Amino acid sequence: MNSVISLKKYVYKYISQKIQDGTLAPNQKINEQQICDELQVSRTPVREALIQLSCEGLLVNEPRKGFRVKPMTLEDAKNIYIIIGTLDALAASLATNNMSKEDLDKMDKLVEDMEDAINNNQYSDYYRLQLEFHNTYLDKCNNNELIDMLNLLKMRFLRQDYSPESDENLFETLREANSHHRTIIELFKDKKSKELEQFLKEIHWDIEYAALDVF
């Protein structure tokens, strides 16, 4: 049983990664046999992983047709931004008194690294760094259910790369988002949990930024 579970997790991670990095494009049909061949696994863990990804909203399960990658519409993205904004704000508020100097120093360094990534058009690096930034305080909220919910929601739409062609104002949009990160750090340092919660929910996760994650 444990072997089957670990194989399912292995396949799940493999497929979800390909969805997030764009190897599997929106509306692309999943070739189950190809995955079995590539990973040298049986059909069972592949099927179980696909069902889970379908339940989590990354795939569409069409009767007699199989699975395909679910595209992200603007309406979908906006709805998810609203939910993530609320939950991320709650996580930050819960984490406020648990943040150490080392945590805040780490976040300061991540902001500088993100600025460098933006200036050099290294958008995949920016994605990785901003995820690490938010996870720094998420890990300190001491609520595993909240952490799991946020990670699942973020996996649905946060792209691991941003193409300069995807948005004419991409550079300025990411610069603005990074300025938000600086504000978040200052609010953590001042332990202003209510202001921090409001800023994340109403400013940083404003639905006007949702178009960046439509694919």
N, C-alpha and C. Protein backbone atom coordinates (compact mmCIF):
# COMPACT_ATOMS: atom_id res chain seq x y z
N MET A 1 0.82 -1.21 0.00
CA MET A 1 0.00 0.00 0.00
C MET A 1 0.86 1.26 0.00
N ASN A 2 1.90 1.31 0.85
CA ASN A 2 2.78 2.47 0.93
C ASN A 2 3.48 2.71 -0.41
N SER A 3 3.83 1.61 -1.09
CA SER A 3 4.50 1.73 -2.37
C SER A 3 3.58 2.38 -3.40
N VAL A 4 2.31 2.00 -3.39
CA VAL A 4 1.33 2.57 -4.32
C VAL A 4 1.15 4.06 -4.04
N ILE A 5 1.07 4.43 -2.75
CA ILE A 5 0.88 5.83 -2.36
C ILE A 5 2.07 6.67 -2.79
N SER A 6 3.29 6.16 -2.57
CA SER A 6 4.48 6.93 -2.93
C SER A 6 4.59 7.09 -4.44
N LEU A 7 4.18 6.07 -5.20
CA LEU A 7 4.19 6.17 -6.65
C LEU A 7 3.18 7.21 -7.13
N LYS A 8 2.03 7.23 -6.49
CA LYS A 8 1.01 8.22 -6.84
C LYS A 8 1.55 9.63 -6.61
N LYS A 9 2.21 9.85 -5.47
CA LYS A 9 2.77 11.17 -5.18
C LYS A 9 3.84 11.56 -6.20
N TYR A 10 4.62 10.58 -6.59
CA TYR A 10 5.68 10.79 -7.57
C TYR A 10 5.09 11.23 -8.91
N VAL A 11 4.05 10.52 -9.33
CA VAL A 11 3.39 10.85 -10.60
C VAL A 11 2.68 12.19 -10.49
N TYR A 12 2.02 12.42 -9.36
CA TYR A 12 1.31 13.68 -9.12
C TYR A 12 2.26 14.87 -9.24
N LYS A 13 3.41 14.78 -8.61
CA LYS A 13 4.38 15.87 -8.66
C LYS A 13 4.89 16.07 -10.08
N TYR A 14 5.11 15.00 -10.79
CA TYR A 14 5.61 15.05 -12.17
C TYR A 14 4.62 15.78 -13.08
N ILE A 15 3.36 15.40 -12.98
CA ILE A 15 2.35 16.01 -13.86
C ILE A 15 2.09 17.46 -13.48
N SER A 16 1.94 17.74 -12.18
CA SER A 16 1.65 19.10 -11.75
C SER A 16 2.77 20.05 -12.12
N GLN A 17 4.02 19.57 -12.05
CA GLN A 17 5.15 20.40 -12.44
C GLN A 17 5.07 20.77 -13.92
N LYS A 18 4.70 19.79 -14.75
CA LYS A 18 4.60 20.04 -16.18
C LYS A 18 3.46 21.01 -16.51
N ILE A 19 2.41 21.00 -15.69
CA ILE A 19 1.33 21.96 -15.89
C ILE A 19 1.80 23.37 -15.53
N GLN A 20 2.49 23.47 -14.41
CA GLN A 20 2.92 24.78 -13.93
C GLN A 20 4.01 25.40 -14.79
N ASP A 21 4.90 24.58 -15.33
CA ASP A 21 5.98 25.17 -16.13
C ASP A 21 5.61 25.33 -17.60
N GLY A 22 4.36 24.93 -17.94
CA GLY A 22 3.87 25.15 -19.30
C GLY A 22 4.18 24.04 -20.28
N THR A 23 4.86 22.98 -19.84
CA THR A 23 5.13 21.86 -20.73
C THR A 23 3.83 21.24 -21.20
N LEU A 24 2.87 21.15 -20.28
CA LEU A 24 1.52 20.74 -20.63
C LEU A 24 0.68 22.00 -20.76
N ALA A 25 0.23 22.30 -21.96
CA ALA A 25 -0.46 23.55 -22.24
C ALA A 25 -1.95 23.46 -21.90
N PRO A 26 -2.60 24.61 -21.69
CA PRO A 26 -4.05 24.63 -21.45
C PRO A 26 -4.81 23.87 -22.54
N ASN A 27 -5.75 23.06 -22.11
CA ASN A 27 -6.60 22.23 -22.98
C ASN A 27 -5.87 21.06 -23.63
N GLN A 28 -4.60 20.88 -23.32
CA GLN A 28 -3.87 19.74 -23.88
C GLN A 28 -4.34 18.45 -23.23
N LYS A 29 -4.56 17.44 -24.05
CA LYS A 29 -4.99 16.13 -23.54
C LYS A 29 -3.80 15.41 -22.91
N ILE A 30 -4.07 14.76 -21.79
CA ILE A 30 -3.03 14.01 -21.09
C ILE A 30 -2.91 12.62 -21.70
N ASN A 31 -1.70 12.27 -22.09
CA ASN A 31 -1.43 10.95 -22.65
C ASN A 31 -0.99 10.03 -21.50
N GLU A 32 -1.93 9.25 -20.99
CA GLU A 32 -1.65 8.41 -19.83
C GLU A 32 -0.57 7.37 -20.13
N GLN A 33 -0.62 6.77 -21.30
CA GLN A 33 0.37 5.74 -21.62
C GLN A 33 1.76 6.35 -21.71
N GLN A 34 1.85 7.54 -22.25
CA GLN A 34 3.16 8.20 -22.35
C GLN A 34 3.75 8.45 -20.97
N ILE A 35 2.91 8.86 -20.02
CA ILE A 35 3.39 9.09 -18.66
C ILE A 35 3.86 7.77 -18.04
N CYS A 36 3.09 6.71 -18.26
CA CYS A 36 3.49 5.39 -17.75
C CYS A 36 4.86 5.00 -18.29
N ASP A 37 5.06 5.23 -19.59
CA ASP A 37 6.32 4.86 -20.23
C ASP A 37 7.48 5.73 -19.73
N GLU A 38 7.23 7.03 -19.60
CA GLU A 38 8.28 7.94 -19.17
C GLU A 38 8.72 7.68 -17.73
N LEU A 39 7.77 7.35 -16.87
CA LEU A 39 8.08 7.14 -15.46
C LEU A 39 8.28 5.67 -15.09
N GLN A 40 8.01 4.80 -16.06
CA GLN A 40 8.16 3.36 -15.82
C GLN A 40 7.30 2.90 -14.64
N VAL A 41 6.03 3.31 -14.69
CA VAL A 41 5.08 2.92 -13.65
C VAL A 41 3.85 2.32 -14.31
N SER A 42 3.03 1.66 -13.51
CA SER A 42 1.80 1.07 -14.04
C SER A 42 0.72 2.14 -14.20
N ARG A 43 -0.39 1.72 -14.75
CA ARG A 43 -1.51 2.64 -15.01
C ARG A 43 -2.16 3.12 -13.72
N THR A 44 -2.13 2.33 -12.67
CA THR A 44 -2.89 2.65 -11.45
C THR A 44 -2.43 3.96 -10.80
N PRO A 45 -1.14 4.16 -10.47
CA PRO A 45 -0.75 5.43 -9.84
C PRO A 45 -0.95 6.63 -10.75
N VAL A 46 -0.84 6.42 -12.07
CA VAL A 46 -1.06 7.52 -13.01
C VAL A 46 -2.53 7.94 -12.97
N ARG A 47 -3.41 6.97 -13.02
CA ARG A 47 -4.84 7.25 -12.98
C ARG A 47 -5.22 7.92 -11.66
N GLU A 48 -4.68 7.46 -10.55
CA GLU A 48 -5.01 8.05 -9.25
C GLU A 48 -4.51 9.49 -9.15
N ALA A 49 -3.32 9.74 -9.69
CA ALA A 49 -2.78 11.10 -9.68
C ALA A 49 -3.63 12.03 -10.54
N LEU A 50 -4.06 11.55 -11.70
CA LEU A 50 -4.89 12.35 -12.60
C LEU A 50 -6.24 12.68 -11.96
N ILE A 51 -6.81 11.72 -11.27
CA ILE A 51 -8.09 11.95 -10.58
C ILE A 51 -7.93 13.02 -9.50
N GLN A 52 -6.84 12.93 -8.75
CA GLN A 52 -6.59 13.93 -7.70
C GLN A 52 -6.40 15.32 -8.30
N LEU A 53 -5.63 15.42 -9.37
CA LEU A 53 -5.41 16.70 -10.02
C LEU A 53 -6.70 17.27 -10.60
N SER A 54 -7.58 16.38 -11.03
CA SER A 54 -8.89 16.81 -11.52
C SER A 54 -9.73 17.36 -10.38
N CYS A 55 -9.71 16.69 -9.24
CA CYS A 55 -10.46 17.15 -8.07
C CYS A 55 -9.94 18.50 -7.57
N GLU A 56 -8.66 18.74 -7.77
CA GLU A 56 -8.04 19.97 -7.29
C GLU A 56 -8.13 21.11 -8.30
N GLY A 57 -8.71 20.84 -9.46
CA GLY A 57 -8.97 21.89 -10.42
C GLY A 57 -7.90 22.15 -11.45
N LEU A 58 -6.87 21.31 -11.51
CA LEU A 58 -5.82 21.51 -12.50
C LEU A 58 -6.14 20.80 -13.82
N LEU A 59 -6.97 19.76 -13.75
CA LEU A 59 -7.34 19.01 -14.94
C LEU A 59 -8.85 18.94 -15.07
N VAL A 60 -9.31 18.67 -16.29
CA VAL A 60 -10.72 18.40 -16.55
C VAL A 60 -10.84 16.94 -16.95
N ASN A 61 -11.76 16.23 -16.30
CA ASN A 61 -11.99 14.82 -16.60
C ASN A 61 -13.24 14.71 -17.47
N GLU A 62 -13.03 14.38 -18.74
CA GLU A 62 -14.14 14.30 -19.68
C GLU A 62 -14.47 12.83 -19.95
N PRO A 63 -15.69 12.43 -19.69
CA PRO A 63 -16.10 11.03 -19.91
C PRO A 63 -15.77 10.56 -21.32
N ARG A 64 -15.13 9.41 -21.39
CA ARG A 64 -14.76 8.74 -22.64
C ARG A 64 -13.70 9.50 -23.45
N LYS A 65 -13.25 10.62 -22.93
CA LYS A 65 -12.21 11.39 -23.62
C LYS A 65 -10.91 11.47 -22.83
N GLY A 66 -11.00 11.27 -21.54
CA GLY A 66 -9.81 11.35 -20.70
C GLY A 66 -9.63 12.71 -20.04
N PHE A 67 -8.39 13.00 -19.69
CA PHE A 67 -8.09 14.22 -18.94
C PHE A 67 -7.39 15.25 -19.84
N ARG A 68 -7.70 16.51 -19.59
CA ARG A 68 -6.99 17.60 -20.27
C ARG A 68 -6.69 18.71 -19.26
N VAL A 69 -5.71 19.53 -19.59
CA VAL A 69 -5.31 20.62 -18.70
C VAL A 69 -6.39 21.69 -18.69
N LYS A 70 -6.81 22.08 -17.51
CA LYS A 70 -7.85 23.09 -17.38
C LYS A 70 -7.25 24.48 -17.56
N PRO A 71 -7.76 25.26 -18.51
CA PRO A 71 -7.24 26.62 -18.69
C PRO A 71 -7.70 27.52 -17.55
N MET A 72 -6.97 28.61 -17.34
CA MET A 72 -7.33 29.58 -16.31
C MET A 72 -7.95 30.80 -16.98
N THR A 73 -9.22 31.03 -16.75
CA THR A 73 -9.88 32.21 -17.30
C THR A 73 -9.66 33.39 -16.37
N LEU A 74 -9.94 34.58 -16.87
CA LEU A 74 -9.80 35.77 -16.03
C LEU A 74 -10.74 35.72 -14.84
N GLU A 75 -11.94 35.23 -15.05
CA GLU A 75 -12.89 35.12 -13.95
C GLU A 75 -12.38 34.13 -12.90
N ASP A 76 -11.83 33.00 -13.36
CA ASP A 76 -11.25 32.02 -12.43
C ASP A 76 -10.15 32.67 -11.59
N ALA A 77 -9.24 33.38 -12.27
CA ALA A 77 -8.11 34.00 -11.60
C ALA A 77 -8.57 35.02 -10.56
N LYS A 78 -9.55 35.83 -10.92
CA LYS A 78 -10.05 36.84 -9.98
C LYS A 78 -10.66 36.18 -8.75
N ASN A 79 -11.44 35.12 -8.97
CA ASN A 79 -12.06 34.42 -7.83
C ASN A 79 -11.00 33.83 -6.90
N ILE A 80 -9.95 33.28 -7.49
CA ILE A 80 -8.90 32.68 -6.67
C ILE A 80 -8.10 33.76 -5.94
N TYR A 81 -7.87 34.90 -6.59
CA TYR A 81 -7.18 36.01 -5.93
C TYR A 81 -7.94 36.44 -4.68
N ILE A 82 -9.25 36.52 -4.76
CA ILE A 82 -10.06 36.93 -3.61
C ILE A 82 -9.86 35.96 -2.45
N ILE A 83 -9.88 34.67 -2.76
CA ILE A 83 -9.74 33.66 -1.71
C ILE A 83 -8.33 33.66 -1.14
N ILE A 84 -7.33 33.68 -2.01
CA ILE A 84 -5.95 33.67 -1.54
C ILE A 84 -5.65 34.92 -0.73
N GLY A 85 -6.14 36.06 -1.21
CA GLY A 85 -5.91 37.30 -0.47
C GLY A 85 -6.42 37.22 0.96
N THR A 86 -7.60 36.66 1.13
CA THR A 86 -8.20 36.53 2.45
C THR A 86 -7.40 35.56 3.34
N LEU A 87 -7.03 34.41 2.76
CA LEU A 87 -6.31 33.40 3.55
C LEU A 87 -4.86 33.81 3.82
N ASP A 88 -4.21 34.43 2.83
CA ASP A 88 -2.83 34.87 3.01
C ASP A 88 -2.76 35.97 4.06
N ALA A 89 -3.75 36.87 4.04
CA ALA A 89 -3.81 37.93 5.04
C ALA A 89 -3.98 37.35 6.44
N LEU A 90 -4.81 36.33 6.55
CA LEU A 90 -5.00 35.67 7.84
C LEU A 90 -3.71 35.01 8.31
N ALA A 91 -3.03 34.33 7.40
CA ALA A 91 -1.77 33.67 7.74
C ALA A 91 -0.74 34.69 8.24
N ALA A 92 -0.65 35.82 7.56
CA ALA A 92 0.30 36.86 7.96
C ALA A 92 -0.03 37.40 9.34
N SER A 93 -1.31 37.61 9.58
CA SER A 93 -1.74 38.12 10.89
C SER A 93 -1.38 37.14 12.00
N LEU A 94 -1.61 35.85 11.74
CA LEU A 94 -1.27 34.83 12.74
C LEU A 94 0.23 34.72 12.95
N ALA A 95 1.01 35.03 11.92
CA ALA A 95 2.46 34.88 11.99
C ALA A 95 3.17 36.10 12.60
N THR A 96 2.47 37.21 12.74
CA THR A 96 3.10 38.48 13.10
C THR A 96 4.01 38.37 14.32
N ASN A 97 3.53 37.77 15.37
CA ASN A 97 4.31 37.70 16.61
C ASN A 97 5.32 36.54 16.62
N ASN A 98 5.32 35.75 15.55
CA ASN A 98 6.24 34.61 15.48
C ASN A 98 7.45 34.86 14.58
N MET A 99 7.47 36.02 13.95
CA MET A 99 8.55 36.32 13.01
C MET A 99 9.82 36.73 13.74
N SER A 100 10.92 36.05 13.43
CA SER A 100 12.21 36.36 14.05
C SER A 100 12.97 37.38 13.21
N LYS A 101 14.03 37.92 13.77
CA LYS A 101 14.89 38.83 13.03
C LYS A 101 15.46 38.13 11.80
N GLU A 102 15.80 36.85 11.95
CA GLU A 102 16.34 36.08 10.83
C GLU A 102 15.30 35.97 9.71
N ASP A 103 14.04 35.77 10.06
CA ASP A 103 12.98 35.70 9.06
C ASP A 103 12.87 37.01 8.28
N LEU A 104 12.90 38.12 9.01
CA LEU A 104 12.76 39.43 8.38
C LEU A 104 13.98 39.78 7.53
N ASP A 105 15.15 39.40 8.02
CA ASP A 105 16.38 39.62 7.23
C ASP A 105 16.33 38.81 5.94
N LYS A 106 15.83 37.59 6.05
CA LYS A 106 15.70 36.74 4.87
C LYS A 106 14.75 37.37 3.86
N MET A 107 13.64 37.91 4.33
CA MET A 107 12.67 38.54 3.44
C MET A 107 13.26 39.79 2.78
N ASP A 108 14.05 40.56 3.55
CA ASP A 108 14.74 41.73 2.98
C ASP A 108 15.64 41.31 1.82
N LYS A 109 16.38 40.24 2.04
CA LYS A 109 17.30 39.75 1.01
C LYS A 109 16.52 39.26 -0.22
N LEU A 110 15.41 38.59 0.01
CA LEU A 110 14.60 38.09 -1.09
C LEU A 110 14.05 39.24 -1.93
N VAL A 111 13.68 40.34 -1.29
CA VAL A 111 13.19 41.50 -2.03
C VAL A 111 14.28 42.06 -2.94
N GLU A 112 15.49 42.14 -2.43
CA GLU A 112 16.60 42.63 -3.26
C GLU A 112 16.87 41.67 -4.42
N ASP A 113 16.80 40.38 -4.14
CA ASP A 113 17.02 39.39 -5.20
C ASP A 113 15.91 39.47 -6.25
N MET A 114 14.68 39.71 -5.81
CA MET A 114 13.58 39.85 -6.76
C MET A 114 13.76 41.07 -7.63
N GLU A 115 14.25 42.15 -7.03
CA GLU A 115 14.50 43.36 -7.81
C GLU A 115 15.52 43.10 -8.92
N ASP A 116 16.58 42.36 -8.56
CA ASP A 116 17.60 42.01 -9.56
C ASP A 116 17.00 41.13 -10.65
N ALA A 117 16.14 40.18 -10.25
CA ALA A 117 15.53 39.28 -11.23
C ALA A 117 14.64 40.06 -12.20
N ILE A 118 13.89 41.02 -11.70
CA ILE A 118 13.03 41.84 -12.55
C ILE A 118 13.87 42.65 -13.52
N ASN A 119 14.91 43.29 -13.01
CA ASN A 119 15.75 44.15 -13.84
C ASN A 119 16.46 43.37 -14.95
N ASN A 120 16.69 42.09 -14.71
CA ASN A 120 17.37 41.25 -15.69
C ASN A 120 16.42 40.35 -16.48
N ASN A 121 15.11 40.63 -16.36
CA ASN A 121 14.08 39.85 -17.07
C ASN A 121 14.16 38.36 -16.76
N GLN A 122 14.57 38.03 -15.55
CA GLN A 122 14.66 36.63 -15.14
C GLN A 122 13.38 36.28 -14.38
N TYR A 123 12.30 36.11 -15.13
CA TYR A 123 10.98 36.00 -14.51
C TYR A 123 10.75 34.68 -13.79
N SER A 124 11.41 33.62 -14.25
CA SER A 124 11.27 32.35 -13.53
C SER A 124 11.94 32.46 -12.16
N ASP A 125 13.05 33.20 -12.08
CA ASP A 125 13.70 33.44 -10.79
C ASP A 125 12.80 34.27 -9.89
N TYR A 126 12.14 35.26 -10.49
CA TYR A 126 11.23 36.10 -9.70
C TYR A 126 10.12 35.24 -9.09
N TYR A 127 9.56 34.35 -9.89
CA TYR A 127 8.50 33.47 -9.38
C TYR A 127 8.99 32.69 -8.16
N ARG A 128 10.13 32.06 -8.30
CA ARG A 128 10.67 31.23 -7.22
C ARG A 128 10.92 32.06 -5.96
N LEU A 129 11.47 33.24 -6.13
CA LEU A 129 11.81 34.10 -4.99
C LEU A 129 10.57 34.64 -4.28
N GLN A 130 9.55 35.04 -5.06
CA GLN A 130 8.37 35.58 -4.41
C GLN A 130 7.60 34.48 -3.67
N LEU A 131 7.67 33.26 -4.18
CA LEU A 131 7.04 32.15 -3.48
C LEU A 131 7.76 31.90 -2.15
N GLU A 132 9.09 31.96 -2.17
CA GLU A 132 9.87 31.79 -0.95
C GLU A 132 9.58 32.91 0.04
N PHE A 133 9.40 34.12 -0.47
CA PHE A 133 9.08 35.28 0.37
C PHE A 133 7.79 35.03 1.16
N HIS A 134 6.72 34.67 0.45
CA HIS A 134 5.43 34.46 1.11
C HIS A 134 5.46 33.23 2.02
N ASN A 135 6.21 32.22 1.63
CA ASN A 135 6.27 31.01 2.47
C ASN A 135 7.02 31.26 3.78
N THR A 136 7.86 32.29 3.81
CA THR A 136 8.60 32.60 5.04
C THR A 136 7.65 32.89 6.19
N TYR A 137 6.62 33.70 5.93
CA TYR A 137 5.67 33.98 7.02
C TYR A 137 4.55 32.95 7.07
N LEU A 138 4.24 32.35 5.92
CA LEU A 138 3.21 31.30 5.95
C LEU A 138 3.63 30.16 6.86
N ASP A 139 4.91 29.81 6.83
CA ASP A 139 5.41 28.73 7.67
C ASP A 139 5.37 29.07 9.15
N LYS A 140 5.20 30.36 9.48
CA LYS A 140 5.18 30.78 10.88
C LYS A 140 3.77 31.05 11.41
N CYS A 141 2.75 30.70 10.63
CA CYS A 141 1.38 30.97 11.09
C CYS A 141 0.87 29.90 12.03
N ASN A 142 1.59 28.76 12.09
CA ASN A 142 1.25 27.67 13.02
C ASN A 142 -0.15 27.11 12.78
N ASN A 143 -0.53 27.02 11.51
CA ASN A 143 -1.83 26.44 11.17
C ASN A 143 -1.65 25.60 9.91
N ASN A 144 -1.45 24.32 10.09
CA ASN A 144 -1.14 23.44 8.96
C ASN A 144 -2.28 23.35 7.94
N GLU A 145 -3.52 23.42 8.41
CA GLU A 145 -4.65 23.37 7.50
C GLU A 145 -4.66 24.60 6.59
N LEU A 146 -4.36 25.74 7.16
CA LEU A 146 -4.31 26.98 6.39
C LEU A 146 -3.17 26.93 5.38
N ILE A 147 -2.03 26.42 5.80
CA ILE A 147 -0.87 26.29 4.91
C ILE A 147 -1.21 25.39 3.72
N ASP A 148 -1.83 24.25 4.00
CA ASP A 148 -2.19 23.31 2.93
C ASP A 148 -3.18 23.93 1.94
N MET A 149 -4.16 24.65 2.47
CA MET A 149 -5.17 25.27 1.62
C MET A 149 -4.53 26.32 0.70
N LEU A 150 -3.66 27.14 1.24
CA LEU A 150 -3.01 28.17 0.44
C LEU A 150 -2.09 27.57 -0.62
N ASN A 151 -1.33 26.58 -0.24
CA ASN A 151 -0.42 25.96 -1.20
C ASN A 151 -1.19 25.32 -2.36
N LEU A 152 -2.31 24.72 -2.06
CA LEU A 152 -3.13 24.10 -3.10
C LEU A 152 -3.71 25.15 -4.04
N LEU A 153 -4.20 26.24 -3.48
CA LEU A 153 -4.77 27.30 -4.30
C LEU A 153 -3.70 27.95 -5.18
N LYS A 154 -2.54 28.20 -4.60
CA LYS A 154 -1.47 28.84 -5.37
C LYS A 154 -0.99 27.95 -6.51
N MET A 155 -1.00 26.66 -6.28
CA MET A 155 -0.55 25.74 -7.31
C MET A 155 -1.45 25.82 -8.54
N ARG A 156 -2.69 26.25 -8.37
CA ARG A 156 -3.63 26.28 -9.48
C ARG A 156 -3.28 27.35 -10.51
N PHE A 157 -2.63 28.42 -10.08
CA PHE A 157 -2.47 29.49 -11.05
C PHE A 157 -1.15 30.21 -11.06
N LEU A 158 -0.38 30.16 -10.00
CA LEU A 158 0.87 30.91 -10.01
C LEU A 158 1.84 30.30 -11.00
N ARG A 159 2.17 31.05 -12.03
CA ARG A 159 3.02 30.52 -13.10
C ARG A 159 4.48 30.56 -12.66
N GLN A 160 5.21 29.56 -13.09
CA GLN A 160 6.62 29.49 -12.71
C GLN A 160 7.51 30.21 -13.71
N ASP A 161 6.88 30.88 -14.64
CA ASP A 161 7.63 31.72 -15.57
C ASP A 161 6.67 32.78 -16.09
N TYR A 162 7.20 33.96 -16.36
CA TYR A 162 6.41 35.03 -16.94
C TYR A 162 7.08 35.44 -18.24
N SER A 163 6.34 35.42 -19.32
CA SER A 163 6.88 35.82 -20.61
C SER A 163 6.71 37.32 -20.78
N PRO A 164 7.75 38.03 -21.24
CA PRO A 164 7.61 39.46 -21.46
C PRO A 164 6.47 39.81 -22.42
N GLU A 165 6.14 38.87 -23.30
CA GLU A 165 5.07 39.13 -24.24
C GLU A 165 3.68 38.96 -23.62
N SER A 166 3.63 38.40 -22.40
CA SER A 166 2.33 38.12 -21.79
C SER A 166 1.64 39.38 -21.30
N ASP A 167 2.39 40.45 -21.10
CA ASP A 167 1.81 41.68 -20.59
C ASP A 167 2.75 42.82 -20.93
N GLU A 168 2.23 43.83 -21.65
CA GLU A 168 3.07 44.94 -22.05
C GLU A 168 3.65 45.67 -20.85
N ASN A 169 2.92 45.66 -19.74
CA ASN A 169 3.36 46.38 -18.55
C ASN A 169 3.93 45.43 -17.50
N LEU A 170 4.40 44.26 -17.94
CA LEU A 170 4.87 43.26 -16.99
C LEU A 170 5.96 43.79 -16.07
N PHE A 171 6.94 44.46 -16.64
CA PHE A 171 8.07 44.97 -15.86
C PHE A 171 7.58 45.86 -14.72
N GLU A 172 6.73 46.84 -15.04
CA GLU A 172 6.24 47.76 -14.02
C GLU A 172 5.30 47.06 -13.04
N THR A 173 4.55 46.09 -13.52
CA THR A 173 3.64 45.35 -12.64
C THR A 173 4.42 44.59 -11.57
N LEU A 174 5.51 43.93 -11.99
CA LEU A 174 6.32 43.18 -11.03
C LEU A 174 7.09 44.11 -10.10
N ARG A 175 7.52 45.26 -10.62
CA ARG A 175 8.18 46.25 -9.76
C ARG A 175 7.22 46.74 -8.67
N GLU A 176 5.98 46.96 -9.07
CA GLU A 176 4.98 47.40 -8.10
C GLU A 176 4.72 46.32 -7.06
N ALA A 177 4.61 45.07 -7.54
CA ALA A 177 4.40 43.96 -6.61
C ALA A 177 5.55 43.85 -5.62
N ASN A 178 6.76 44.10 -6.09
CA ASN A 178 7.91 44.00 -5.19
C ASN A 178 7.93 45.15 -4.18
N SER A 179 7.41 46.31 -4.59
CA SER A 179 7.29 47.40 -3.62
C SER A 179 6.31 47.01 -2.52
N HIS A 180 5.29 46.22 -2.88
CA HIS A 180 4.37 45.70 -1.87
C HIS A 180 5.12 44.83 -0.87
N HIS A 181 6.05 44.03 -1.38
CA HIS A 181 6.83 43.16 -0.49
C HIS A 181 7.59 43.98 0.54
N ARG A 182 8.11 45.12 0.15
CA ARG A 182 8.83 45.99 1.10
C ARG A 182 7.87 46.50 2.18
N THR A 183 6.66 46.86 1.77
CA THR A 183 5.66 47.33 2.74
C THR A 183 5.28 46.21 3.70
N ILE A 184 5.13 45.01 3.18
CA ILE A 184 4.79 43.86 4.02
C ILE A 184 5.85 43.66 5.11
N ILE A 185 7.11 43.77 4.73
CA ILE A 185 8.19 43.60 5.70
C ILE A 185 8.11 44.66 6.79
N GLU A 186 7.88 45.91 6.41
CA GLU A 186 7.80 46.99 7.39
C GLU A 186 6.64 46.79 8.35
N LEU A 187 5.52 46.31 7.85
CA LEU A 187 4.37 46.05 8.72
C LEU A 187 4.66 44.90 9.67
N PHE A 188 5.41 43.90 9.20
CA PHE A 188 5.82 42.81 10.10
C PHE A 188 6.75 43.36 11.18
N LYS A 189 7.70 44.19 10.79
CA LYS A 189 8.66 44.73 11.75
C LYS A 189 7.96 45.56 12.82
N ASP A 190 6.92 46.29 12.41
CA ASP A 190 6.18 47.13 13.36
C ASP A 190 5.08 46.35 14.09
N LYS A 191 4.94 45.07 13.73
CA LYS A 191 3.92 44.19 14.34
C LYS A 191 2.51 44.78 14.21
N LYS A 192 2.24 45.35 13.06
CA LYS A 192 0.92 45.92 12.80
C LYS A 192 0.08 44.88 12.06
N SER A 193 -0.42 43.94 12.82
CA SER A 193 -1.10 42.80 12.22
C SER A 193 -2.37 43.18 11.47
N LYS A 194 -3.15 44.10 12.00
CA LYS A 194 -4.39 44.50 11.34
C LYS A 194 -4.12 45.22 10.03
N GLU A 195 -3.15 46.15 10.07
CA GLU A 195 -2.79 46.87 8.84
C GLU A 195 -2.20 45.92 7.81
N LEU A 196 -1.41 44.96 8.29
CA LEU A 196 -0.81 43.96 7.41
C LEU A 196 -1.89 43.12 6.74
N GLU A 197 -2.85 42.69 7.52
CA GLU A 197 -3.94 41.88 7.00
C GLU A 197 -4.72 42.65 5.93
N GLN A 198 -5.01 43.90 6.20
CA GLN A 198 -5.75 44.73 5.26
C GLN A 198 -4.95 44.97 3.99
N PHE A 199 -3.64 45.23 4.13
CA PHE A 199 -2.79 45.51 2.97
C PHE A 199 -2.72 44.31 2.04
N LEU A 200 -2.53 43.13 2.60
CA LEU A 200 -2.43 41.92 1.77
C LEU A 200 -3.74 41.64 1.05
N LYS A 201 -4.83 41.76 1.76
CA LYS A 201 -6.13 41.42 1.18
C LYS A 201 -6.59 42.44 0.15
N GLU A 202 -6.39 43.72 0.42
CA GLU A 202 -6.97 44.76 -0.43
C GLU A 202 -6.00 45.34 -1.46
N ILE A 203 -4.71 45.24 -1.20
CA ILE A 203 -3.73 45.86 -2.09
C ILE A 203 -2.91 44.79 -2.83
N HIS A 204 -2.19 43.97 -2.08
CA HIS A 204 -1.26 43.04 -2.72
C HIS A 204 -1.98 42.00 -3.58
N TRP A 205 -3.15 41.53 -3.11
CA TRP A 205 -3.91 40.53 -3.86
C TRP A 205 -5.11 41.15 -4.54
N ASP A 206 -5.01 42.41 -4.90
CA ASP A 206 -6.08 43.08 -5.64
C ASP A 206 -6.32 42.33 -6.95
N ILE A 207 -7.60 42.16 -7.30
CA ILE A 207 -7.94 41.35 -8.48
C ILE A 207 -7.47 41.98 -9.78
N GLU A 208 -7.05 43.26 -9.75
CA GLU A 208 -6.54 43.87 -10.98
C GLU A 208 -5.28 43.21 -11.47
N TYR A 209 -4.58 42.49 -10.56
CA TYR A 209 -3.36 41.78 -10.96
C TYR A 209 -3.65 40.37 -11.49
N ALA A 210 -4.89 39.94 -11.42
CA ALA A 210 -5.23 38.57 -11.78
C ALA A 210 -4.94 38.24 -13.24
N ALA A 211 -5.03 39.24 -14.10
CA ALA A 211 -4.82 39.00 -15.54
C ALA A 211 -3.42 38.45 -15.82
N LEU A 212 -2.48 38.73 -14.93
CA LEU A 212 -1.11 38.24 -15.11
C LEU A 212 -1.03 36.73 -15.08
N ASP A 213 -2.00 36.10 -14.41
CA ASP A 213 -1.96 34.66 -14.23
C ASP A 213 -2.97 33.90 -15.07
N VAL A 214 -3.54 34.58 -16.05
CA VAL A 214 -4.45 33.90 -16.97
C VAL A 214 -3.64 33.18 -18.04
N PHE A 215 -3.97 31.93 -18.30
CA PHE A 215 -3.25 31.17 -19.32
C PHE A 215 -4.15 30.18 -20.01
